[in-house]
Amino acid sequence: MSYTSAALLAVALTVVLDLFVLRTRLLTRKVFWTAYGIIVFFQLITNGVLTGRGIVFYDGDAIIGSSSTAGQAPQLLGDGRIVFAPFEDLLFGFALVVQTLAWWVWWGRRVDR
């Protein structure tokens, strides 16, 4: 399974988990999207540092864009990248944030009962 396929699957499962399994419905709330905008800003900074400085590398066959050649940094934008990191990192970050918050809300509701 490619990184792209895994990222898309993670997002799909996360949406189903939030809306239908746990029924926390975070994705329908304006406050979630406001907070998520702040999170994405810092995710892009972190990803940019890690991938732009060559600390983290990606196999070009597994992502939407291509890999960088030895000794050459990836593009800032374009070629499937946003602030040096592959687009898939944003998808995985989304799934991570939503699941963390959805499980937090779901468990919080169980404790309050």
PDB file of N, CA and C in Angstrom:
ATOM      1  N   MET A   1       0.852  -1.180   0.000  1.00  0.00           N
ATOM      2  CA  MET A   1       0.000   0.000   0.000  1.00  0.00           C
ATOM      3  C   MET A   1       0.890   1.232   0.000  1.00  0.00           C
ATOM      4  N   SER A   2       0.609   2.168  -0.880  1.00  0.00           N
ATOM      5  CA  SER A   2       1.403   3.383  -0.954  1.00  0.00           C
ATOM      6  C   SER A   2       1.041   4.334   0.194  1.00  0.00           C
ATOM      7  N   TYR A   3       1.901   5.287   0.394  1.00  0.00           N
ATOM      8  CA  TYR A   3       1.677   6.315   1.415  1.00  0.00           C
ATOM      9  C   TYR A   3       0.391   7.078   1.104  1.00  0.00           C
ATOM     10  N   THR A   4       0.155   7.314  -0.184  1.00  0.00           N
ATOM     11  CA  THR A   4      -1.060   8.024  -0.608  1.00  0.00           C
ATOM     12  C   THR A   4      -2.308   7.215  -0.275  1.00  0.00           C
ATOM     13  N   SER A   5      -2.302   5.935  -0.601  1.00  0.00           N
ATOM     14  CA  SER A   5      -3.458   5.074  -0.313  1.00  0.00           C
ATOM     15  C   SER A   5      -3.719   4.989   1.183  1.00  0.00           C
ATOM     16  N   ALA A   6      -2.647   4.838   1.954  1.00  0.00           N
ATOM     17  CA  ALA A   6      -2.795   4.750   3.410  1.00  0.00           C
ATOM     18  C   ALA A   6      -3.363   6.050   3.983  1.00  0.00           C
ATOM     19  N   ALA A   7      -2.907   7.183   3.457  1.00  0.00           N
ATOM     20  CA  ALA A   7      -3.397   8.484   3.942  1.00  0.00           C
ATOM     21  C   ALA A   7      -4.874   8.665   3.627  1.00  0.00           C
ATOM     22  N   LEU A   8      -5.277   8.316   2.408  1.00  0.00           N
ATOM     23  CA  LEU A   8      -6.689   8.437   2.030  1.00  0.00           C
ATOM     24  C   LEU A   8      -7.564   7.498   2.849  1.00  0.00           C
ATOM     25  N   LEU A   9      -7.086   6.290   3.101  1.00  0.00           N
ATOM     26  CA  LEU A   9      -7.823   5.337   3.925  1.00  0.00           C
ATOM     27  C   LEU A   9      -7.955   5.855   5.355  1.00  0.00           C
ATOM     28  N   ALA A  10      -6.880   6.433   5.891  1.00  0.00           N
ATOM     29  CA  ALA A  10      -6.914   6.980   7.250  1.00  0.00           C
ATOM     30  C   ALA A  10      -7.952   8.088   7.375  1.00  0.00           C
ATOM     31  N   VAL A  11      -8.019   8.962   6.380  1.00  0.00           N
ATOM     32  CA  VAL A  11      -9.005  10.052   6.406  1.00  0.00           C
ATOM     33  C   VAL A  11     -10.422   9.491   6.325  1.00  0.00           C
ATOM     34  N   ALA A  12     -10.652   8.558   5.427  1.00  0.00           N
ATOM     35  CA  ALA A  12     -11.993   7.981   5.273  1.00  0.00           C
ATOM     36  C   ALA A  12     -12.449   7.280   6.552  1.00  0.00           C
ATOM     37  N   LEU A  13     -11.578   6.488   7.142  1.00  0.00           N
ATOM     38  CA  LEU A  13     -11.932   5.792   8.383  1.00  0.00           C
ATOM     39  C   LEU A  13     -12.159   6.767   9.527  1.00  0.00           C
ATOM     40  N   THR A  14     -11.396   7.824   9.555  1.00  0.00           N
ATOM     41  CA  THR A  14     -11.544   8.836  10.600  1.00  0.00           C
ATOM     42  C   THR A  14     -12.879   9.560  10.483  1.00  0.00           C
ATOM     43  N   VAL A  15     -13.276   9.904   9.272  1.00  0.00           N
ATOM     44  CA  VAL A  15     -14.569  10.570   9.067  1.00  0.00           C
ATOM     45  C   VAL A  15     -15.709   9.648   9.502  1.00  0.00           C
ATOM     46  N   VAL A  16     -15.646   8.380   9.115  1.00  0.00           N
ATOM     47  CA  VAL A  16     -16.670   7.412   9.519  1.00  0.00           C
ATOM     48  C   VAL A  16     -16.680   7.269  11.041  1.00  0.00           C
ATOM     49  N   LEU A  17     -15.509   7.190  11.647  1.00  0.00           N
ATOM     50  CA  LEU A  17     -15.417   7.057  13.105  1.00  0.00           C
ATOM     51  C   LEU A  17     -16.060   8.249  13.806  1.00  0.00           C
ATOM     52  N   ASP A  18     -15.734   9.455  13.353  1.00  0.00           N
ATOM     53  CA  ASP A  18     -16.264  10.662  13.993  1.00  0.00           C
ATOM     54  C   ASP A  18     -17.774  10.802  13.814  1.00  0.00           C
ATOM     55  N   LEU A  19     -18.239  10.621  12.606  1.00  0.00           N
ATOM     56  CA  LEU A  19     -19.648  10.914  12.323  1.00  0.00           C
ATOM     57  C   LEU A  19     -20.598   9.766  12.663  1.00  0.00           C
ATOM     58  N   PHE A  20     -20.156   8.520  12.496  1.00  0.00           N
ATOM     59  CA  PHE A  20     -21.100   7.407  12.601  1.00  0.00           C
ATOM     60  C   PHE A  20     -20.823   6.414  13.724  1.00  0.00           C
ATOM     61  N   VAL A  21     -19.557   6.204  14.063  1.00  0.00           N
ATOM     62  CA  VAL A  21     -19.237   5.217  15.101  1.00  0.00           C
ATOM     63  C   VAL A  21     -19.276   5.864  16.485  1.00  0.00           C
ATOM     64  N   LEU A  22     -18.425   6.847  16.710  1.00  0.00           N
ATOM     65  CA  LEU A  22     -18.399   7.527  18.014  1.00  0.00           C
ATOM     66  C   LEU A  22     -19.478   8.601  18.117  1.00  0.00           C
ATOM     67  N   ARG A  23     -19.933   9.092  16.999  1.00  0.00           N
ATOM     68  CA  ARG A  23     -20.959  10.132  16.894  1.00  0.00           C
ATOM     69  C   ARG A  23     -20.617  11.399  17.676  1.00  0.00           C
ATOM     70  N   THR A  24     -19.350  11.768  17.639  1.00  0.00           N
ATOM     71  CA  THR A  24     -18.931  13.016  18.282  1.00  0.00           C
ATOM     72  C   THR A  24     -19.202  14.218  17.373  1.00  0.00           C
ATOM     73  N   ARG A  25     -19.250  13.981  16.068  1.00  0.00           N
ATOM     74  CA  ARG A  25     -19.591  14.986  15.062  1.00  0.00           C
ATOM     75  C   ARG A  25     -18.720  16.246  15.153  1.00  0.00           C
ATOM     76  N   LEU A  26     -17.446  16.054  15.461  1.00  0.00           N
ATOM     77  CA  LEU A  26     -16.527  17.192  15.522  1.00  0.00           C
ATOM     78  C   LEU A  26     -16.410  17.888  14.174  1.00  0.00           C
ATOM     79  N   LEU A  27     -16.478  17.112  13.097  1.00  0.00           N
ATOM     80  CA  LEU A  27     -16.303  17.677  11.760  1.00  0.00           C
ATOM     81  C   LEU A  27     -17.429  18.610  11.348  1.00  0.00           C
ATOM     82  N   THR A  28     -18.497  18.626  12.101  1.00  0.00           N
ATOM     83  CA  THR A  28     -19.625  19.515  11.789  1.00  0.00           C
ATOM     84  C   THR A  28     -19.580  20.809  12.599  1.00  0.00           C
ATOM     85  N   ARG A  29     -18.554  20.968  13.405  1.00  0.00           N
ATOM     86  CA  ARG A  29     -18.477  22.132  14.305  1.00  0.00           C
ATOM     87  C   ARG A  29     -17.494  23.184  13.811  1.00  0.00           C
ATOM     88  N   LYS A  30     -17.934  24.425  13.843  1.00  0.00           N
ATOM     89  CA  LYS A  30     -17.080  25.537  13.429  1.00  0.00           C
ATOM     90  C   LYS A  30     -15.848  25.659  14.333  1.00  0.00           C
ATOM     91  N   VAL A  31     -16.018  25.413  15.619  1.00  0.00           N
ATOM     92  CA  VAL A  31     -14.900  25.543  16.556  1.00  0.00           C
ATOM     93  C   VAL A  31     -13.794  24.533  16.225  1.00  0.00           C
ATOM     94  N   PHE A  32     -14.165  23.351  15.739  1.00  0.00           N
ATOM     95  CA  PHE A  32     -13.143  22.373  15.346  1.00  0.00           C
ATOM     96  C   PHE A  32     -12.319  22.916  14.194  1.00  0.00           C
ATOM     97  N   TRP A  33     -12.993  23.429  13.154  1.00  0.00           N
ATOM     98  CA  TRP A  33     -12.278  23.895  11.967  1.00  0.00           C
ATOM     99  C   TRP A  33     -11.419  25.115  12.276  1.00  0.00           C
ATOM    100  N   THR A  34     -11.833  25.940  13.221  1.00  0.00           N
ATOM    101  CA  THR A  34     -11.013  27.075  13.643  1.00  0.00           C
ATOM    102  C   THR A  34      -9.742  26.572  14.323  1.00  0.00           C
ATOM    103  N   ALA A  35      -9.902  25.648  15.248  1.00  0.00           N
ATOM    104  CA  ALA A  35      -8.741  25.076  15.939  1.00  0.00           C
ATOM    105  C   ALA A  35      -7.846  24.312  14.970  1.00  0.00           C
ATOM    106  N   TYR A  36      -8.459  23.605  14.040  1.00  0.00           N
ATOM    107  CA  TYR A  36      -7.672  22.825  13.089  1.00  0.00           C
ATOM    108  C   TYR A  36      -6.825  23.731  12.192  1.00  0.00           C
ATOM    109  N   GLY A  37      -7.336  24.895  11.840  1.00  0.00           N
ATOM    110  CA  GLY A  37      -6.545  25.849  11.064  1.00  0.00           C
ATOM    111  C   GLY A  37      -5.270  26.250  11.777  1.00  0.00           C
ATOM    112  N   ILE A  38      -5.356  26.427  13.082  1.00  0.00           N
ATOM    113  CA  ILE A  38      -4.169  26.755  13.884  1.00  0.00           C
ATOM    114  C   ILE A  38      -3.209  25.573  13.894  1.00  0.00           C
ATOM    115  N   ILE A  39      -3.739  24.384  14.050  1.00  0.00           N
ATOM    116  CA  ILE A  39      -2.913  23.172  14.086  1.00  0.00           C
ATOM    117  C   ILE A  39      -2.188  22.979  12.753  1.00  0.00           C
ATOM    118  N   VAL A  40      -2.893  23.152  11.644  1.00  0.00           N
ATOM    119  CA  VAL A  40      -2.283  22.967  10.323  1.00  0.00           C
ATOM    120  C   VAL A  40      -1.137  23.952  10.112  1.00  0.00           C
ATOM    121  N   PHE A  41      -1.295  25.175  10.571  1.00  0.00           N
ATOM    122  CA  PHE A  41      -0.232  26.170  10.450  1.00  0.00           C
ATOM    123  C   PHE A  41       1.059  25.649  11.076  1.00  0.00           C
ATOM    124  N   PHE A  42       0.967  25.132  12.296  1.00  0.00           N
ATOM    125  CA  PHE A  42       2.162  24.627  12.969  1.00  0.00           C
ATOM    126  C   PHE A  42       2.636  23.295  12.397  1.00  0.00           C
ATOM    127  N   GLN A  43       1.724  22.497  11.878  1.00  0.00           N
ATOM    128  CA  GLN A  43       2.119  21.258  11.212  1.00  0.00           C
ATOM    129  C   GLN A  43       2.963  21.571   9.977  1.00  0.00           C
ATOM    130  N   LEU A  44       2.562  22.584   9.225  1.00  0.00           N
ATOM    131  CA  LEU A  44       3.314  22.962   8.032  1.00  0.00           C
ATOM    132  C   LEU A  44       4.706  23.473   8.388  1.00  0.00           C
ATOM    133  N   ILE A  45       4.818  24.206   9.475  1.00  0.00           N
ATOM    134  CA  ILE A  45       6.141  24.661   9.919  1.00  0.00           C
ATOM    135  C   ILE A  45       7.023  23.462  10.275  1.00  0.00           C
ATOM    136  N   THR A  46       6.478  22.549  11.065  1.00  0.00           N
ATOM    137  CA  THR A  46       7.243  21.373  11.494  1.00  0.00           C
ATOM    138  C   THR A  46       7.628  20.509  10.301  1.00  0.00           C
ATOM    139  N   ASN A  47       6.669  20.220   9.435  1.00  0.00           N
ATOM    140  CA  ASN A  47       6.966  19.419   8.244  1.00  0.00           C
ATOM    141  C   ASN A  47       7.985  20.109   7.356  1.00  0.00           C
ATOM    142  N   GLY A  48       7.861  21.409   7.221  1.00  0.00           N
ATOM    143  CA  GLY A  48       8.800  22.155   6.401  1.00  0.00           C
ATOM    144  C   GLY A  48      10.222  22.049   6.898  1.00  0.00           C
ATOM    145  N   VAL A  49      10.394  22.149   8.198  1.00  0.00           N
ATOM    146  CA  VAL A  49      11.731  22.026   8.780  1.00  0.00           C
ATOM    147  C   VAL A  49      12.283  20.616   8.571  1.00  0.00           C
ATOM    148  N   LEU A  50      11.466  19.610   8.863  1.00  0.00           N
ATOM    149  CA  LEU A  50      11.948  18.222   8.774  1.00  0.00           C
ATOM    150  C   LEU A  50      12.256  17.789   7.344  1.00  0.00           C
ATOM    151  N   THR A  51      11.409  18.141   6.410  1.00  0.00           N
ATOM    152  CA  THR A  51      11.639  17.707   5.030  1.00  0.00           C
ATOM    153  C   THR A  51      12.505  18.686   4.241  1.00  0.00           C
ATOM    154  N   GLY A  52      12.369  19.967   4.504  1.00  0.00           N
ATOM    155  CA  GLY A  52      13.153  20.966   3.792  1.00  0.00           C
ATOM    156  C   GLY A  52      14.632  20.918   4.118  1.00  0.00           C
ATOM    157  N   ARG A  53      14.970  20.497   5.318  1.00  0.00           N
ATOM    158  CA  ARG A  53      16.376  20.406   5.723  1.00  0.00           C
ATOM    159  C   ARG A  53      16.958  19.019   5.474  1.00  0.00           C
ATOM    160  N   GLY A  54      16.128  18.134   4.911  1.00  0.00           N
ATOM    161  CA  GLY A  54      16.631  16.802   4.568  1.00  0.00           C
ATOM    162  C   GLY A  54      16.704  15.835   5.730  1.00  0.00           C
ATOM    163  N   ILE A  55      15.983  16.113   6.811  1.00  0.00           N
ATOM    164  CA  ILE A  55      15.968  15.205   7.961  1.00  0.00           C
ATOM    165  C   ILE A  55      15.080  14.001   7.663  1.00  0.00           C
ATOM    166  N   VAL A  56      13.992  14.227   6.939  1.00  0.00           N
ATOM    167  CA  VAL A  56      13.052  13.171   6.570  1.00  0.00           C
ATOM    168  C   VAL A  56      12.984  13.102   5.046  1.00  0.00           C
ATOM    169  N   PHE A  57      13.026  11.890   4.510  1.00  0.00           N
ATOM    170  CA  PHE A  57      12.933  11.667   3.066  1.00  0.00           C
ATOM    171  C   PHE A  57      11.733  10.775   2.769  1.00  0.00           C
ATOM    172  N   TYR A  58      11.196  10.879   1.561  1.00  0.00           N
ATOM    173  CA  TYR A  58      10.061  10.063   1.129  1.00  0.00           C
ATOM    174  C   TYR A  58      10.410   9.384  -0.184  1.00  0.00           C
ATOM    175  N   ASP A  59       9.944   8.168  -0.352  1.00  0.00           N
ATOM    176  CA  ASP A  59      10.124   7.433  -1.597  1.00  0.00           C
ATOM    177  C   ASP A  59       9.167   8.017  -2.629  1.00  0.00           C
ATOM    178  N   GLY A  60       9.692   8.473  -3.740  1.00  0.00           N
ATOM    179  CA  GLY A  60       8.878   9.086  -4.780  1.00  0.00           C
ATOM    180  C   GLY A  60       7.837   8.150  -5.363  1.00  0.00           C
ATOM    181  N   ASP A  61       8.039   6.846  -5.251  1.00  0.00           N
ATOM    182  CA  ASP A  61       7.059   5.878  -5.762  1.00  0.00           C
ATOM    183  C   ASP A  61       5.864   5.723  -4.838  1.00  0.00           C
ATOM    184  N   ALA A  62       5.972   6.194  -3.601  1.00  0.00           N
ATOM    185  CA  ALA A  62       4.906   5.997  -2.616  1.00  0.00           C
ATOM    186  C   ALA A  62       4.062   7.240  -2.380  1.00  0.00           C
ATOM    187  N   ILE A  63       4.493   8.386  -2.884  1.00  0.00           N
ATOM    188  CA  ILE A  63       3.767   9.637  -2.656  1.00  0.00           C
ATOM    189  C   ILE A  63       3.275  10.208  -3.983  1.00  0.00           C
ATOM    190  N   ILE A  64       2.422  11.235  -3.908  1.00  0.00           N
ATOM    191  CA  ILE A  64       1.887  11.863  -5.116  1.00  0.00           C
ATOM    192  C   ILE A  64       3.002  12.498  -5.939  1.00  0.00           C
ATOM    193  N   GLY A  65       3.907  13.195  -5.297  1.00  0.00           N
ATOM    194  CA  GLY A  65       5.003  13.856  -6.008  1.00  0.00           C
ATOM    195  C   GLY A  65       6.181  12.918  -6.187  1.00  0.00           C
ATOM    196  N   SER A  66       7.335  13.496  -6.400  1.00  0.00           N
ATOM    197  CA  SER A  66       8.543  12.690  -6.562  1.00  0.00           C
ATOM    198  C   SER A  66       9.458  12.906  -5.369  1.00  0.00           C
ATOM    199  N   SER A  67      10.433  12.022  -5.242  1.00  0.00           N
ATOM    200  CA  SER A  67      11.409  12.195  -4.168  1.00  0.00           C
ATOM    201  C   SER A  67      12.461  13.184  -4.645  1.00  0.00           C
ATOM    202  N   SER A  68      13.186  13.753  -3.712  1.00  0.00           N
ATOM    203  CA  SER A  68      14.260  14.662  -4.098  1.00  0.00           C
ATOM    204  C   SER A  68      15.499  13.833  -4.405  1.00  0.00           C
ATOM    205  N   THR A  69      16.348  14.362  -5.229  1.00  0.00           N
ATOM    206  CA  THR A  69      17.584  13.659  -5.539  1.00  0.00           C
ATOM    207  C   THR A  69      18.577  13.882  -4.413  1.00  0.00           C
ATOM    208  N   ALA A  70      19.571  13.037  -4.347  1.00  0.00           N
ATOM    209  CA  ALA A  70      20.559  13.102  -3.266  1.00  0.00           C
ATOM    210  C   ALA A  70      21.178  14.491  -3.184  1.00  0.00           C
ATOM    211  N   GLY A  71      21.155  15.046  -2.000  1.00  0.00           N
ATOM    212  CA  GLY A  71      21.751  16.342  -1.758  1.00  0.00           C
ATOM    213  C   GLY A  71      20.912  17.527  -2.209  1.00  0.00           C
ATOM    214  N   GLN A  72      19.747  17.270  -2.741  1.00  0.00           N
ATOM    215  CA  GLN A  72      18.889  18.355  -3.226  1.00  0.00           C
ATOM    216  C   GLN A  72      17.592  18.360  -2.421  1.00  0.00           C
ATOM    217  N   ALA A  73      17.227  19.516  -1.900  1.00  0.00           N
ATOM    218  CA  ALA A  73      15.996  19.634  -1.105  1.00  0.00           C
ATOM    219  C   ALA A  73      14.777  19.553  -2.014  1.00  0.00           C
ATOM    220  N   PRO A  74      13.658  19.062  -1.488  1.00  0.00           N
ATOM    221  CA  PRO A  74      12.424  19.033  -2.287  1.00  0.00           C
ATOM    222  C   PRO A  74      11.904  20.447  -2.527  1.00  0.00           C
ATOM    223  N   GLN A  75      10.957  20.557  -3.436  1.00  0.00           N
ATOM    224  CA  GLN A  75      10.357  21.858  -3.745  1.00  0.00           C
ATOM    225  C   GLN A  75       9.543  22.375  -2.566  1.00  0.00           C
ATOM    226  N   LEU A  76       9.498  23.694  -2.426  1.00  0.00           N
ATOM    227  CA  LEU A  76       8.669  24.320  -1.399  1.00  0.00           C
ATOM    228  C   LEU A  76       7.199  24.058  -1.676  1.00  0.00           C
ATOM    229  N   LEU A  77       6.763  24.319  -2.894  1.00  0.00           N
ATOM    230  CA  LEU A  77       5.385  24.063  -3.320  1.00  0.00           C
ATOM    231  C   LEU A  77       5.414  23.405  -4.691  1.00  0.00           C
ATOM    232  N   GLY A  78       4.424  22.575  -4.936  1.00  0.00           N
ATOM    233  CA  GLY A  78       4.335  21.890  -6.213  1.00  0.00           C
ATOM    234  C   GLY A  78       4.902  20.482  -6.125  1.00  0.00           C
ATOM    235  N   ASP A  79       4.717  19.724  -7.164  1.00  0.00           N
ATOM    236  CA  ASP A  79       5.172  18.335  -7.217  1.00  0.00           C
ATOM    237  C   ASP A  79       4.605  17.528  -6.054  1.00  0.00           C
ATOM    238  N   GLY A  80       3.346  17.821  -5.695  1.00  0.00           N
ATOM    239  CA  GLY A  80       2.699  17.082  -4.617  1.00  0.00           C
ATOM    240  C   GLY A  80       3.144  17.490  -3.224  1.00  0.00           C
ATOM    241  N   ARG A  81       3.814  18.626  -3.126  1.00  0.00           N
ATOM    242  CA  ARG A  81       4.333  19.063  -1.828  1.00  0.00           C
ATOM    243  C   ARG A  81       3.778  20.421  -1.421  1.00  0.00           C
ATOM    244  N   ILE A  82       3.624  20.566  -0.123  1.00  0.00           N
ATOM    245  CA  ILE A  82       3.201  21.824   0.468  1.00  0.00           C
ATOM    246  C   ILE A  82       4.195  22.125   1.574  1.00  0.00           C
ATOM    247  N   VAL A  83       4.915  23.208   1.463  1.00  0.00           N
ATOM    248  CA  VAL A  83       5.987  23.575   2.393  1.00  0.00           C
ATOM    249  C   VAL A  83       6.942  22.386   2.554  1.00  0.00           C
ATOM    250  N   PHE A  84       7.435  21.885   1.442  1.00  0.00           N
ATOM    251  CA  PHE A  84       8.412  20.801   1.320  1.00  0.00           C
ATOM    252  C   PHE A  84       7.861  19.399   1.589  1.00  0.00           C
ATOM    253  N   ALA A  85       6.846  19.263   2.418  1.00  0.00           N
ATOM    254  CA  ALA A  85       6.345  17.940   2.809  1.00  0.00           C
ATOM    255  C   ALA A  85       5.316  17.427   1.801  1.00  0.00           C
ATOM    256  N   PRO A  86       5.227  16.119   1.656  1.00  0.00           N
ATOM    257  CA  PRO A  86       4.211  15.567   0.752  1.00  0.00           C
ATOM    258  C   PRO A  86       2.803  15.906   1.233  1.00  0.00           C
ATOM    259  N   PHE A  87       1.906  16.078   0.281  1.00  0.00           N
ATOM    260  CA  PHE A  87       0.515  16.378   0.583  1.00  0.00           C
ATOM    261  C   PHE A  87      -0.077  15.349   1.548  1.00  0.00           C
ATOM    262  N   GLU A  88       0.362  14.106   1.447  1.00  0.00           N
ATOM    263  CA  GLU A  88      -0.160  13.036   2.296  1.00  0.00           C
ATOM    264  C   GLU A  88       0.061  13.302   3.781  1.00  0.00           C
ATOM    265  N   ASP A  89       1.113  14.041   4.117  1.00  0.00           N
ATOM    266  CA  ASP A  89       1.343  14.369   5.532  1.00  0.00           C
ATOM    267  C   ASP A  89       0.187  15.172   6.115  1.00  0.00           C
ATOM    268  N   LEU A  90      -0.407  16.042   5.311  1.00  0.00           N
ATOM    269  CA  LEU A  90      -1.564  16.797   5.792  1.00  0.00           C
ATOM    270  C   LEU A  90      -2.748  15.863   6.040  1.00  0.00           C
ATOM    271  N   LEU A  91      -2.904  14.869   5.188  1.00  0.00           N
ATOM    272  CA  LEU A  91      -4.000  13.911   5.381  1.00  0.00           C
ATOM    273  C   LEU A  91      -3.810  13.100   6.657  1.00  0.00           C
ATOM    274  N   PHE A  92      -2.591  12.599   6.861  1.00  0.00           N
ATOM    275  CA  PHE A  92      -2.324  11.853   8.093  1.00  0.00           C
ATOM    276  C   PHE A  92      -2.466  12.740   9.323  1.00  0.00           C
ATOM    277  N   GLY A  93      -2.016  13.984   9.230  1.00  0.00           N
ATOM    278  CA  GLY A  93      -2.165  14.911  10.346  1.00  0.00           C
ATOM    279  C   GLY A  93      -3.621  15.153  10.681  1.00  0.00           C
ATOM    280  N   PHE A  94      -4.446  15.302   9.649  1.00  0.00           N
ATOM    281  CA  PHE A  94      -5.882  15.482   9.848  1.00  0.00           C
ATOM    282  C   PHE A  94      -6.465  14.280  10.592  1.00  0.00           C
ATOM    283  N   ALA A  95      -6.151  13.077  10.122  1.00  0.00           N
ATOM    284  CA  ALA A  95      -6.668  11.861  10.761  1.00  0.00           C
ATOM    285  C   ALA A  95      -6.206  11.777  12.214  1.00  0.00           C
ATOM    286  N   LEU A  96      -4.970  12.117  12.471  1.00  0.00           N
ATOM    287  CA  LEU A  96      -4.429  12.069  13.833  1.00  0.00           C
ATOM    288  C   LEU A  96      -5.147  13.048  14.753  1.00  0.00           C
ATOM    289  N   VAL A  97      -5.327  14.265  14.297  1.00  0.00           N
ATOM    290  CA  VAL A  97      -5.973  15.286  15.126  1.00  0.00           C
ATOM    291  C   VAL A  97      -7.437  14.938  15.380  1.00  0.00           C
ATOM    292  N   VAL A  98      -8.164  14.570  14.338  1.00  0.00           N
ATOM    293  CA  VAL A  98      -9.586  14.263  14.494  1.00  0.00           C
ATOM    294  C   VAL A  98      -9.776  13.058  15.411  1.00  0.00           C
ATOM    295  N   GLN A  99      -8.984  12.019  15.204  1.00  0.00           N
ATOM    296  CA  GLN A  99      -9.152  10.846  16.060  1.00  0.00           C
ATOM    297  C   GLN A  99      -8.791  11.138  17.509  1.00  0.00           C
ATOM    298  N   THR A 100      -7.742  11.888  17.729  1.00  0.00           N
ATOM    299  CA  THR A 100      -7.380  12.243  19.104  1.00  0.00           C
ATOM    300  C   THR A 100      -8.521  12.988  19.789  1.00  0.00           C
ATOM    301  N   LEU A 101      -9.073  13.981  19.109  1.00  0.00           N
ATOM    302  CA  LEU A 101     -10.159  14.761  19.696  1.00  0.00           C
ATOM    303  C   LEU A 101     -11.453  13.962  19.806  1.00  0.00           C
ATOM    304  N   ALA A 102     -11.771  13.147  18.801  1.00  0.00           N
ATOM    305  CA  ALA A 102     -13.001  12.352  18.835  1.00  0.00           C
ATOM    306  C   ALA A 102     -12.978  11.352  19.984  1.00  0.00           C
ATOM    307  N   TRP A 103     -11.852  10.661  20.136  1.00  0.00           N
ATOM    308  CA  TRP A 103     -11.757   9.711  21.250  1.00  0.00           C
ATOM    309  C   TRP A 103     -11.810  10.441  22.597  1.00  0.00           C
ATOM    310  N   TRP A 104     -11.194  11.615  22.669  1.00  0.00           N
ATOM    311  CA  TRP A 104     -11.206  12.411  23.901  1.00  0.00           C
ATOM    312  C   TRP A 104     -12.647  12.781  24.278  1.00  0.00           C
ATOM    313  N   VAL A 105     -13.407  13.267  23.326  1.00  0.00           N
ATOM    314  CA  VAL A 105     -14.803  13.636  23.574  1.00  0.00           C
ATOM    315  C   VAL A 105     -15.622  12.405  23.931  1.00  0.00           C
ATOM    316  N   TRP A 106     -15.432  11.327  23.196  1.00  0.00           N
ATOM    317  CA  TRP A 106     -16.198  10.099  23.431  1.00  0.00           C
ATOM    318  C   TRP A 106     -15.931   9.548  24.827  1.00  0.00           C
ATOM    319  N   TRP A 107     -14.674   9.476  25.225  1.00  0.00           N
ATOM    320  CA  TRP A 107     -14.355   8.983  26.578  1.00  0.00           C
ATOM    321  C   TRP A 107     -14.838   9.962  27.644  1.00  0.00           C
ATOM    322  N   GLY A 108     -14.760  11.254  27.362  1.00  0.00           N
ATOM    323  CA  GLY A 108     -15.261  12.258  28.303  1.00  0.00           C
ATOM    324  C   GLY A 108     -16.748  12.110  28.554  1.00  0.00           C
ATOM    325  N   ARG A 109     -17.488  11.791  27.533  1.00  0.00           N
ATOM    326  CA  ARG A 109     -18.929  11.571  27.711  1.00  0.00           C
ATOM    327  C   ARG A 109     -19.204  10.341  28.575  1.00  0.00           C
ATOM    328  N   ARG A 110     -18.356   9.341  28.476  1.00  0.00           N
ATOM    329  CA  ARG A 110     -18.539   8.113  29.270  1.00  0.00           C
ATOM    330  C   ARG A 110     -18.248   8.371  30.753  1.00  0.00           C
ATOM    331  N   VAL A 111     -17.281   9.216  31.025  1.00  0.00           N
ATOM    332  CA  VAL A 111     -16.903   9.524  32.405  1.00  0.00           C
ATOM    333  C   VAL A 111     -17.974  10.384  33.065  1.00  0.00           C
ATOM    334  N   ASP A 112     -18.596  11.282  32.295  1.00  0.00           N
ATOM    335  CA  ASP A 112     -19.611  12.195  32.841  1.00  0.00           C
ATOM    336  C   ASP A 112     -20.911  11.498  33.234  1.00  0.00           C
ATOM    337  N   ARG A 113     -21.102  10.297  32.755  1.00  0.00           N
ATOM    338  CA  ARG A 113     -22.370   9.601  33.053  1.00  0.00           C
ATOM    339  C   ARG A 113     -22.426   9.098  34.455  1.00  0.00           C
TER     340      ARG A 113
END
